[in-house]
């Protein structure tokens, strides 16, 4: 099971991704991260211990994950380690409004820094990611520049290195929801990403065309209870397998646990959150 990405979600990190679904990963997850920050601030969270348990309710061998929040909530430090993943530390810096302004992810052989900028309306204007493989000294950079129309995200320019650029255009429906993400790399049109919503304008599905299956298939499926995400199905790229994550929350809005199930509906891992307060 490839769970590093989800352990970052477990720890409520804003992970940079070079793949598609830019509207979701840049715009929507950035907003979700800000909402998590506000909940931490309101509840005056000091630190979080994250427990990982297997299907037999036994601790996952070698797994450690914890978060420490500064007294003014300007920074969150997350430490993660497991038996199959080298120890890493992610430093996240926030402004006074809870907007993520910088992350630095470090391990023994890797370092990635992402800087976030915002426009005069407080909306995400751009990302700049620089990653370095410290063992072989190779460096890669990627920049996302968001363009707005009528104060709504309309296009994004992705620049890898100095010259390799991709244009991402958003298509909206009559309700203003983003329903398509169309990407163009030079003259080549890349696969379209489709977004679907429920009657309350909540995102329910992120879908793309699967050549092997010759049909549209979801990458993500979301369900909600009381406007909180109650479950998420994630389909790894190029795989017919999937993971279903089910979430529970405390009355104060803090997440209390997550359950991950495989395609056979068997429990793979359970995550518990233990909070300490200021």
C-alpha atoms as a PDB file:
ATOM      1  CA  UNK A   1       0.000   0.000   0.000  1.00  0.00           C
ATOM      2  CA  UNK A   2       1.384   3.402  -1.004  1.00  0.00           C
ATOM      3  CA  UNK A   3       0.241   5.582   1.878  1.00  0.00           C
ATOM      4  CA  UNK A   4       2.794   8.392   2.151  1.00  0.00           C
ATOM      5  CA  UNK A   5       0.495  10.792   0.316  1.00  0.00           C
ATOM      6  CA  UNK A   6      -2.345   9.872   2.630  1.00  0.00           C
ATOM      7  CA  UNK A   7      -0.249  10.129   5.758  1.00  0.00           C
ATOM      8  CA  UNK A   8       0.383  13.708   4.652  1.00  0.00           C
ATOM      9  CA  UNK A   9      -3.374  14.166   4.374  1.00  0.00           C
ATOM     10  CA  UNK A  10      -3.713  12.549   7.788  1.00  0.00           C
ATOM     11  CA  UNK A  11      -1.321  15.163   9.126  1.00  0.00           C
ATOM     12  CA  UNK A  12      -3.273  17.860   7.242  1.00  0.00           C
ATOM     13  CA  UNK A  13      -0.395  18.990   5.087  1.00  0.00           C
ATOM     14  CA  UNK A  14      -0.595  20.967   1.909  1.00  0.00           C
ATOM     15  CA  UNK A  15       1.470  18.617  -0.275  1.00  0.00           C
ATOM     16  CA  UNK A  16       2.748  19.958  -3.582  1.00  0.00           C
ATOM     17  CA  UNK A  17       1.957  17.761  -6.579  1.00  0.00           C
ATOM     18  CA  UNK A  18       3.251  17.898 -10.133  1.00  0.00           C
ATOM     19  CA  UNK A  19       0.335  15.884 -11.504  1.00  0.00           C
ATOM     20  CA  UNK A  20      -2.966  17.123 -12.923  1.00  0.00           C
ATOM     21  CA  UNK A  21      -6.129  18.010 -10.979  1.00  0.00           C
ATOM     22  CA  UNK A  22      -4.552  21.381 -10.401  1.00  0.00           C
ATOM     23  CA  UNK A  23      -7.811  23.075  -9.455  1.00  0.00           C
ATOM     24  CA  UNK A  24      -8.371  20.505  -6.719  1.00  0.00           C
ATOM     25  CA  UNK A  25      -4.809  20.301  -5.430  1.00  0.00           C
ATOM     26  CA  UNK A  26      -3.905  23.992  -5.723  1.00  0.00           C
ATOM     27  CA  UNK A  27      -7.152  25.843  -5.054  1.00  0.00           C
ATOM     28  CA  UNK A  28      -9.432  23.520  -3.095  1.00  0.00           C
ATOM     29  CA  UNK A  29      -6.843  21.834  -0.869  1.00  0.00           C
ATOM     30  CA  UNK A  30      -5.300  25.242  -0.093  1.00  0.00           C
ATOM     31  CA  UNK A  31      -8.735  26.382   1.126  1.00  0.00           C
ATOM     32  CA  UNK A  32      -9.175  23.165   3.097  1.00  0.00           C
ATOM     33  CA  UNK A  33      -5.781  23.697   4.711  1.00  0.00           C
ATOM     34  CA  UNK A  34      -6.822  27.200   5.764  1.00  0.00           C
ATOM     35  CA  UNK A  35     -10.046  25.851   7.279  1.00  0.00           C
ATOM     36  CA  UNK A  36      -8.055  23.259   9.252  1.00  0.00           C
ATOM     37  CA  UNK A  37      -5.788  26.035  10.533  1.00  0.00           C
ATOM     38  CA  UNK A  38      -8.799  28.074  11.686  1.00  0.00           C
ATOM     39  CA  UNK A  39     -10.166  25.067  13.586  1.00  0.00           C
ATOM     40  CA  UNK A  40      -6.793  24.578  15.288  1.00  0.00           C
ATOM     41  CA  UNK A  41      -6.724  28.243  16.262  1.00  0.00           C
ATOM     42  CA  UNK A  42     -10.290  28.316  17.588  1.00  0.00           C
ATOM     43  CA  UNK A  43      -9.703  25.180  19.651  1.00  0.00           C
ATOM     44  CA  UNK A  44      -6.219  26.351  20.712  1.00  0.00           C
ATOM     45  CA  UNK A  45      -4.504  23.126  19.705  1.00  0.00           C
ATOM     46  CA  UNK A  46      -0.915  22.854  20.944  1.00  0.00           C
ATOM     47  CA  UNK A  47       0.154  19.547  19.434  1.00  0.00           C
ATOM     48  CA  UNK A  48      -1.258  16.397  17.863  1.00  0.00           C
ATOM     49  CA  UNK A  49      -0.120  12.808  18.204  1.00  0.00           C
ATOM     50  CA  UNK A  50      -1.197  10.557  15.319  1.00  0.00           C
ATOM     51  CA  UNK A  51      -1.539   6.839  15.984  1.00  0.00           C
ATOM     52  CA  UNK A  52      -1.596   4.239  13.212  1.00  0.00           C
ATOM     53  CA  UNK A  53      -3.227   0.869  13.939  1.00  0.00           C
ATOM     54  CA  UNK A  54      -3.497  -2.183  11.707  1.00  0.00           C
ATOM     55  CA  UNK A  55      -6.581  -4.326  11.062  1.00  0.00           C
ATOM     56  CA  UNK A  56      -5.956  -6.175  14.355  1.00  0.00           C
ATOM     57  CA  UNK A  57      -5.907  -2.871  16.258  1.00  0.00           C
ATOM     58  CA  UNK A  58      -2.170  -3.220  16.805  1.00  0.00           C
ATOM     59  CA  UNK A  59       0.192  -0.243  16.383  1.00  0.00           C
ATOM     60  CA  UNK A  60       1.797  -0.046  12.945  1.00  0.00           C
ATOM     61  CA  UNK A  61       5.444  -1.093  13.471  1.00  0.00           C
ATOM     62  CA  UNK A  62       7.845   1.799  13.275  1.00  0.00           C
ATOM     63  CA  UNK A  63       5.214   4.437  12.490  1.00  0.00           C
ATOM     64  CA  UNK A  64       5.469   7.839  14.150  1.00  0.00           C
ATOM     65  CA  UNK A  65       3.638  11.020  13.221  1.00  0.00           C
ATOM     66  CA  UNK A  66       3.200  14.161  15.283  1.00  0.00           C
ATOM     67  CA  UNK A  67       2.465  17.849  14.814  1.00  0.00           C
ATOM     68  CA  UNK A  68       3.577  20.804  16.907  1.00  0.00           C
ATOM     69  CA  UNK A  69       1.896  24.205  16.567  1.00  0.00           C
ATOM     70  CA  UNK A  70       3.555  27.463  17.578  1.00  0.00           C
ATOM     71  CA  UNK A  71       1.701  29.521  20.247  1.00  0.00           C
ATOM     72  CA  UNK A  72       0.668  32.131  17.649  1.00  0.00           C
ATOM     73  CA  UNK A  73      -0.186  29.441  15.034  1.00  0.00           C
ATOM     74  CA  UNK A  74       2.280  30.925  12.560  1.00  0.00           C
ATOM     75  CA  UNK A  75       3.954  27.543  12.060  1.00  0.00           C
ATOM     76  CA  UNK A  76       3.181  23.845  12.189  1.00  0.00           C
ATOM     77  CA  UNK A  77       5.970  21.257  12.303  1.00  0.00           C
ATOM     78  CA  UNK A  78       5.099  17.713  11.272  1.00  0.00           C
ATOM     79  CA  UNK A  79       7.393  14.758  11.856  1.00  0.00           C
ATOM     80  CA  UNK A  80       6.660  11.488  10.030  1.00  0.00           C
ATOM     81  CA  UNK A  81       8.431   8.138  10.048  1.00  0.00           C
ATOM     82  CA  UNK A  82       7.490   4.554   9.317  1.00  0.00           C
ATOM     83  CA  UNK A  83       9.229   1.239   8.763  1.00  0.00           C
ATOM     84  CA  UNK A  84       9.190   1.724   4.986  1.00  0.00           C
ATOM     85  CA  UNK A  85       9.562   5.506   4.790  1.00  0.00           C
ATOM     86  CA  UNK A  86      12.603   7.547   5.887  1.00  0.00           C
ATOM     87  CA  UNK A  87      11.996  10.083   8.606  1.00  0.00           C
ATOM     88  CA  UNK A  88      10.894  13.468   7.275  1.00  0.00           C
ATOM     89  CA  UNK A  89      10.028  16.810   8.787  1.00  0.00           C
ATOM     90  CA  UNK A  90       7.711  19.326   7.192  1.00  0.00           C
ATOM     91  CA  UNK A  91       7.807  22.956   8.313  1.00  0.00           C
ATOM     92  CA  UNK A  92       4.673  24.914   7.350  1.00  0.00           C
ATOM     93  CA  UNK A  93       4.419  28.686   7.802  1.00  0.00           C
ATOM     94  CA  UNK A  94       1.121  30.616   7.872  1.00  0.00           C
ATOM     95  CA  UNK A  95       0.112  34.273   7.798  1.00  0.00           C
ATOM     96  CA  UNK A  96      -2.257  35.852  10.328  1.00  0.00           C
ATOM     97  CA  UNK A  97      -5.280  34.788   8.230  1.00  0.00           C
ATOM     98  CA  UNK A  98      -4.252  31.150   8.207  1.00  0.00           C
ATOM     99  CA  UNK A  99      -3.033  31.147   4.634  1.00  0.00           C
ATOM    100  CA  UNK A 100      -0.161  28.787   3.945  1.00  0.00           C
ATOM    101  CA  UNK A 101       2.848  30.824   2.794  1.00  0.00           C
ATOM    102  CA  UNK A 102       5.688  28.304   2.809  1.00  0.00           C
ATOM    103  CA  UNK A 103       6.430  24.620   3.336  1.00  0.00           C
ATOM    104  CA  UNK A 104       9.802  22.935   3.617  1.00  0.00           C
ATOM    105  CA  UNK A 105       9.848  19.145   3.477  1.00  0.00           C
ATOM    106  CA  UNK A 106      13.153  17.546   4.454  1.00  0.00           C
ATOM    107  CA  UNK A 107      14.559  14.056   4.845  1.00  0.00           C
ATOM    108  CA  UNK A 108      18.058  12.549   4.688  1.00  0.00           C
ATOM    109  CA  UNK A 109      18.112  12.558   0.880  1.00  0.00           C
ATOM    110  CA  UNK A 110      15.402  15.031  -0.133  1.00  0.00           C
ATOM    111  CA  UNK A 111      14.405  18.651   0.355  1.00  0.00           C
ATOM    112  CA  UNK A 112      11.450  20.441  -1.196  1.00  0.00           C
ATOM    113  CA  UNK A 113      10.407  24.030  -0.601  1.00  0.00           C
ATOM    114  CA  UNK A 114       7.125  25.506  -1.791  1.00  0.00           C
ATOM    115  CA  UNK A 115       6.305  29.219  -1.562  1.00  0.00           C
ATOM    116  CA  UNK A 116       2.680  30.391  -1.869  1.00  0.00           C
ATOM    117  CA  UNK A 117       1.557  33.880  -2.920  1.00  0.00           C
ATOM    118  CA  UNK A 118      -1.916  35.442  -2.807  1.00  0.00           C
ATOM    119  CA  UNK A 119      -3.643  38.268  -4.657  1.00  0.00           C
ATOM    120  CA  UNK A 120      -5.309  41.359  -3.181  1.00  0.00           C
ATOM    121  CA  UNK A 121      -8.519  39.348  -2.606  1.00  0.00           C
ATOM    122  CA  UNK A 122      -6.691  36.712  -0.598  1.00  0.00           C
ATOM    123  CA  UNK A 123      -6.968  34.053  -3.326  1.00  0.00           C
ATOM    124  CA  UNK A 124      -4.045  31.866  -4.323  1.00  0.00           C
ATOM    125  CA  UNK A 125      -1.963  33.621  -6.978  1.00  0.00           C
ATOM    126  CA  UNK A 126       0.863  31.158  -7.370  1.00  0.00           C
ATOM    127  CA  UNK A 127       3.113  28.376  -6.120  1.00  0.00           C
ATOM    128  CA  UNK A 128       6.835  27.957  -6.533  1.00  0.00           C
ATOM    129  CA  UNK A 129       8.296  24.539  -5.724  1.00  0.00           C
ATOM    130  CA  UNK A 130      11.991  23.708  -5.699  1.00  0.00           C
ATOM    131  CA  UNK A 131      12.976  20.128  -4.898  1.00  0.00           C
ATOM    132  CA  UNK A 132      16.471  18.729  -4.465  1.00  0.00           C
ATOM    133  CA  UNK A 133      17.703  15.167  -4.269  1.00  0.00           C
ATOM    134  CA  UNK A 134      20.484  15.842  -1.808  1.00  0.00           C
ATOM    135  CA  UNK A 135      22.289  12.566  -2.423  1.00  0.00           C
ATOM    136  CA  UNK A 136      22.881  13.259  -6.132  1.00  0.00           C
ATOM    137  CA  UNK A 137      22.485  17.073  -5.997  1.00  0.00           C
ATOM    138  CA  UNK A 138      19.811  17.171  -8.713  1.00  0.00           C
ATOM    139  CA  UNK A 139      17.315  20.030  -8.516  1.00  0.00           C
ATOM    140  CA  UNK A 140      13.934  20.553 -10.169  1.00  0.00           C
ATOM    141  CA  UNK A 141      11.594  23.532 -10.054  1.00  0.00           C
ATOM    142  CA  UNK A 142       7.954  24.080 -10.911  1.00  0.00           C
ATOM    143  CA  UNK A 143       5.864  27.239 -10.792  1.00  0.00           C
ATOM    144  CA  UNK A 144       2.076  27.616 -10.968  1.00  0.00           C
ATOM    145  CA  UNK A 145       0.673  31.043 -11.855  1.00  0.00           C
ATOM    146  CA  UNK A 146      -3.096  31.418 -11.402  1.00  0.00           C
ATOM    147  CA  UNK A 147      -5.095  33.917 -13.501  1.00  0.00           C
ATOM    148  CA  UNK A 148      -8.511  35.095 -12.297  1.00  0.00           C
ATOM    149  CA  UNK A 149     -11.584  36.333 -14.128  1.00  0.00           C
ATOM    150  CA  UNK A 150     -14.366  38.059 -12.175  1.00  0.00           C
ATOM    151  CA  UNK A 151     -12.461  37.078  -9.009  1.00  0.00           C
ATOM    152  CA  UNK A 152     -12.696  33.359  -9.897  1.00  0.00           C
ATOM    153  CA  UNK A 153      -9.773  31.124 -10.974  1.00  0.00           C
ATOM    154  CA  UNK A 154      -9.849  30.936 -14.768  1.00  0.00           C
ATOM    155  CA  UNK A 155      -6.470  29.697 -15.979  1.00  0.00           C
ATOM    156  CA  UNK A 156      -3.156  28.457 -14.654  1.00  0.00           C
ATOM    157  CA  UNK A 157       0.281  28.487 -16.248  1.00  0.00           C
ATOM    158  CA  UNK A 158       2.594  25.708 -15.086  1.00  0.00           C
ATOM    159  CA  UNK A 159       6.290  26.257 -15.772  1.00  0.00           C
ATOM    160  CA  UNK A 160       8.764  23.433 -15.174  1.00  0.00           C
ATOM    161  CA  UNK A 161      12.376  24.524 -15.106  1.00  0.00           C
ATOM    162  CA  UNK A 162      12.828  27.695 -17.127  1.00  0.00           C
ATOM    163  CA  UNK A 163      10.850  27.096 -20.319  1.00  0.00           C
ATOM    164  CA  UNK A 164       8.632  23.976 -20.242  1.00  0.00           C
ATOM    165  CA  UNK A 165       5.131  25.374 -19.833  1.00  0.00           C
ATOM    166  CA  UNK A 166       1.601  23.950 -19.685  1.00  0.00           C
ATOM    167  CA  UNK A 167      -1.585  26.021 -19.905  1.00  0.00           C
ATOM    168  CA  UNK A 168      -4.524  24.859 -17.779  1.00  0.00           C
ATOM    169  CA  UNK A 169      -7.987  26.275 -18.543  1.00  0.00           C
ATOM    170  CA  UNK A 170     -11.059  25.916 -16.340  1.00  0.00           C
ATOM    171  CA  UNK A 171     -14.602  25.502 -17.706  1.00  0.00           C
ATOM    172  CA  UNK A 172     -17.576  26.396 -15.497  1.00  0.00           C
ATOM    173  CA  UNK A 173     -21.234  25.409 -15.612  1.00  0.00           C
ATOM    174  CA  UNK A 174     -24.235  27.728 -15.283  1.00  0.00           C
ATOM    175  CA  UNK A 175     -23.891  27.570 -11.474  1.00  0.00           C
ATOM    176  CA  UNK A 176     -20.275  28.708 -11.525  1.00  0.00           C
ATOM    177  CA  UNK A 177     -18.853  25.304 -10.626  1.00  0.00           C
ATOM    178  CA  UNK A 178     -15.600  24.255 -12.302  1.00  0.00           C
ATOM    179  CA  UNK A 179     -16.627  21.228 -14.377  1.00  0.00           C
ATOM    180  CA  UNK A 180     -13.613  20.744 -16.655  1.00  0.00           C
ATOM    181  CA  UNK A 181      -9.888  21.237 -16.381  1.00  0.00           C
ATOM    182  CA  UNK A 182      -8.336  21.379 -19.853  1.00  0.00           C
ATOM    183  CA  UNK A 183      -4.547  21.312 -20.116  1.00  0.00           C
ATOM    184  CA  UNK A 184      -2.389  22.085 -23.152  1.00  0.00           C
ATOM    185  CA  UNK A 185       1.335  21.367 -23.403  1.00  0.00           C
ATOM    186  CA  UNK A 186       2.318  23.369 -26.455  1.00  0.00           C
ATOM    187  CA  UNK A 187       0.015  22.149 -29.220  1.00  0.00           C
ATOM    188  CA  UNK A 188      -0.702  18.865 -27.426  1.00  0.00           C
ATOM    189  CA  UNK A 189      -4.016  18.631 -25.586  1.00  0.00           C
ATOM    190  CA  UNK A 190      -3.677  16.618 -22.394  1.00  0.00           C
ATOM    191  CA  UNK A 191      -6.469  14.462 -20.901  1.00  0.00           C
ATOM    192  CA  UNK A 192      -9.364  16.522 -19.549  1.00  0.00           C
ATOM    193  CA  UNK A 193     -10.210  16.330 -15.846  1.00  0.00           C
ATOM    194  CA  UNK A 194     -13.943  16.434 -15.026  1.00  0.00           C
ATOM    195  CA  UNK A 195     -15.445  17.695 -11.758  1.00  0.00           C
ATOM    196  CA  UNK A 196     -18.921  16.738 -10.509  1.00  0.00           C
ATOM    197  CA  UNK A 197     -21.003  18.237  -7.699  1.00  0.00           C
ATOM    198  CA  UNK A 198     -24.080  17.537  -5.604  1.00  0.00           C
ATOM    199  CA  UNK A 199     -27.099  19.851  -5.267  1.00  0.00           C
ATOM    200  CA  UNK A 200     -25.273  21.799  -2.549  1.00  0.00           C
ATOM    201  CA  UNK A 201     -22.360  22.534  -4.927  1.00  0.00           C
ATOM    202  CA  UNK A 202     -20.061  20.202  -2.988  1.00  0.00           C
ATOM    203  CA  UNK A 203     -17.431  18.368  -4.996  1.00  0.00           C
ATOM    204  CA  UNK A 204     -18.366  14.681  -5.309  1.00  0.00           C
ATOM    205  CA  UNK A 205     -16.225  13.226  -8.120  1.00  0.00           C
ATOM    206  CA  UNK A 206     -12.995  13.955  -9.966  1.00  0.00           C
ATOM    207  CA  UNK A 207     -12.948  11.917 -13.171  1.00  0.00           C
ATOM    208  CA  UNK A 208     -10.732  11.338 -16.199  1.00  0.00           C
ATOM    209  CA  UNK A 209     -10.802   9.135 -19.290  1.00  0.00           C
ATOM    210  CA  UNK A 210      -9.101   5.775 -18.792  1.00  0.00           C
ATOM    211  CA  UNK A 211      -7.666   4.459 -22.054  1.00  0.00           C
ATOM    212  CA  UNK A 212      -7.357   0.875 -20.822  1.00  0.00           C
ATOM    213  CA  UNK A 213     -10.999   0.748 -19.728  1.00  0.00           C
ATOM    214  CA  UNK A 214     -12.123   2.985 -22.639  1.00  0.00           C
ATOM    215  CA  UNK A 215     -14.386   5.027 -20.380  1.00  0.00           C
ATOM    216  CA  UNK A 216     -14.436   7.763 -17.773  1.00  0.00           C
ATOM    217  CA  UNK A 217     -13.321   6.575 -14.340  1.00  0.00           C
ATOM    218  CA  UNK A 218     -13.029   8.480 -11.046  1.00  0.00           C
ATOM    219  CA  UNK A 219      -9.776   9.408  -9.352  1.00  0.00           C
ATOM    220  CA  UNK A 220     -11.620  10.647  -6.255  1.00  0.00           C
ATOM    221  CA  UNK A 221     -15.151  10.248  -4.884  1.00  0.00           C
ATOM    222  CA  UNK A 222     -16.277  12.310  -1.877  1.00  0.00           C
ATOM    223  CA  UNK A 223     -19.226  11.930   0.491  1.00  0.00           C
ATOM    224  CA  UNK A 224     -20.372  14.425   3.118  1.00  0.00           C
ATOM    225  CA  UNK A 225     -22.143  14.620   6.461  1.00  0.00           C
ATOM    226  CA  UNK A 226     -23.016  18.078   7.829  1.00  0.00           C
ATOM    227  CA  UNK A 227     -20.787  19.734   5.203  1.00  0.00           C
ATOM    228  CA  UNK A 228     -17.753  17.748   6.347  1.00  0.00           C
ATOM    229  CA  UNK A 229     -16.124  15.118   4.156  1.00  0.00           C
ATOM    230  CA  UNK A 230     -17.226  11.793   5.634  1.00  0.00           C
ATOM    231  CA  UNK A 231     -15.412   9.548   3.158  1.00  0.00           C
ATOM    232  CA  UNK A 232     -13.076   9.670   0.181  1.00  0.00           C
ATOM    233  CA  UNK A 233     -12.371   6.986  -2.399  1.00  0.00           C
ATOM    234  CA  UNK A 234      -8.970   7.318  -4.046  1.00  0.00           C
ATOM    235  CA  UNK A 235      -7.947   5.404  -7.186  1.00  0.00           C
ATOM    236  CA  UNK A 236      -4.157   5.387  -7.738  1.00  0.00           C
ATOM    237  CA  UNK A 237      -3.131   6.423 -11.243  1.00  0.00           C
ATOM    238  CA  UNK A 238      -2.942   3.468 -13.648  1.00  0.00           C
ATOM    239  CA  UNK A 239      -4.471   1.100 -11.101  1.00  0.00           C
ATOM    240  CA  UNK A 240      -7.766  -0.781 -10.902  1.00  0.00           C
ATOM    241  CA  UNK A 241      -7.418  -0.909  -7.133  1.00  0.00           C
ATOM    242  CA  UNK A 242      -8.702   1.775  -4.792  1.00  0.00           C
ATOM    243  CA  UNK A 243      -8.694   2.892  -1.173  1.00  0.00           C
ATOM    244  CA  UNK A 244     -11.673   4.191   0.779  1.00  0.00           C
ATOM    245  CA  UNK A 245     -10.988   6.542   3.656  1.00  0.00           C
ATOM    246  CA  UNK A 246     -13.759   7.117   6.209  1.00  0.00           C
ATOM    247  CA  UNK A 247     -13.489  10.073   8.595  1.00  0.00           C
ATOM    248  CA  UNK A 248     -15.017  10.863  11.983  1.00  0.00           C
ATOM    249  CA  UNK A 249     -14.963  14.183  13.836  1.00  0.00           C
ATOM    250  CA  UNK A 250     -15.313  15.537  17.329  1.00  0.00           C
ATOM    251  CA  UNK A 251     -18.136  17.956  18.107  1.00  0.00           C
ATOM    252  CA  UNK A 252     -15.617  20.823  18.026  1.00  0.00           C
ATOM    253  CA  UNK A 253     -14.773  20.066  14.387  1.00  0.00           C
ATOM    254  CA  UNK A 254     -11.412  18.383  14.978  1.00  0.00           C
ATOM    255  CA  UNK A 255     -10.893  15.107  13.164  1.00  0.00           C
ATOM    256  CA  UNK A 256     -10.851  12.189  15.592  1.00  0.00           C
ATOM    257  CA  UNK A 257     -10.072   9.182  13.375  1.00  0.00           C
ATOM    258  CA  UNK A 258      -9.690   7.820   9.851  1.00  0.00           C
ATOM    259  CA  UNK A 259     -10.262   4.298   8.562  1.00  0.00           C
ATOM    260  CA  UNK A 260      -8.711   3.045   5.327  1.00  0.00           C
ATOM    261  CA  UNK A 261     -10.359   0.111   3.522  1.00  0.00           C
ATOM    262  CA  UNK A 262      -9.156  -1.733   0.450  1.00  0.00           C
ATOM    263  CA  UNK A 263     -11.141  -2.787  -2.613  1.00  0.00           C
ATOM    264  CA  UNK A 264     -12.370  -5.888  -0.751  1.00  0.00           C
ATOM    265  CA  UNK A 265     -13.715  -3.676   2.050  1.00  0.00           C
ATOM    266  CA  UNK A 266     -11.107  -4.996   4.438  1.00  0.00           C
ATOM    267  CA  UNK A 267      -9.656  -2.599   6.983  1.00  0.00           C
ATOM    268  CA  UNK A 268      -6.066  -1.698   6.111  1.00  0.00           C
ATOM    269  CA  UNK A 269      -5.210   0.962   8.675  1.00  0.00           C
ATOM    270  CA  UNK A 270      -6.868   3.097  11.339  1.00  0.00           C
ATOM    271  CA  UNK A 271      -5.571   6.541  12.265  1.00  0.00           C
ATOM    272  CA  UNK A 272      -6.354   8.140  15.640  1.00  0.00           C
ATOM    273  CA  UNK A 273      -5.740  11.794  16.520  1.00  0.00           C
ATOM    274  CA  UNK A 274      -4.846  12.762  20.071  1.00  0.00           C
ATOM    275  CA  UNK A 275      -4.898  16.497  20.792  1.00  0.00           C
ATOM    276  CA  UNK A 276      -3.245  18.576  23.467  1.00  0.00           C
ATOM    277  CA  UNK A 277      -4.398  22.138  23.993  1.00  0.00           C
ATOM    278  CA  UNK A 278      -2.814  25.415  25.043  1.00  0.00           C
END
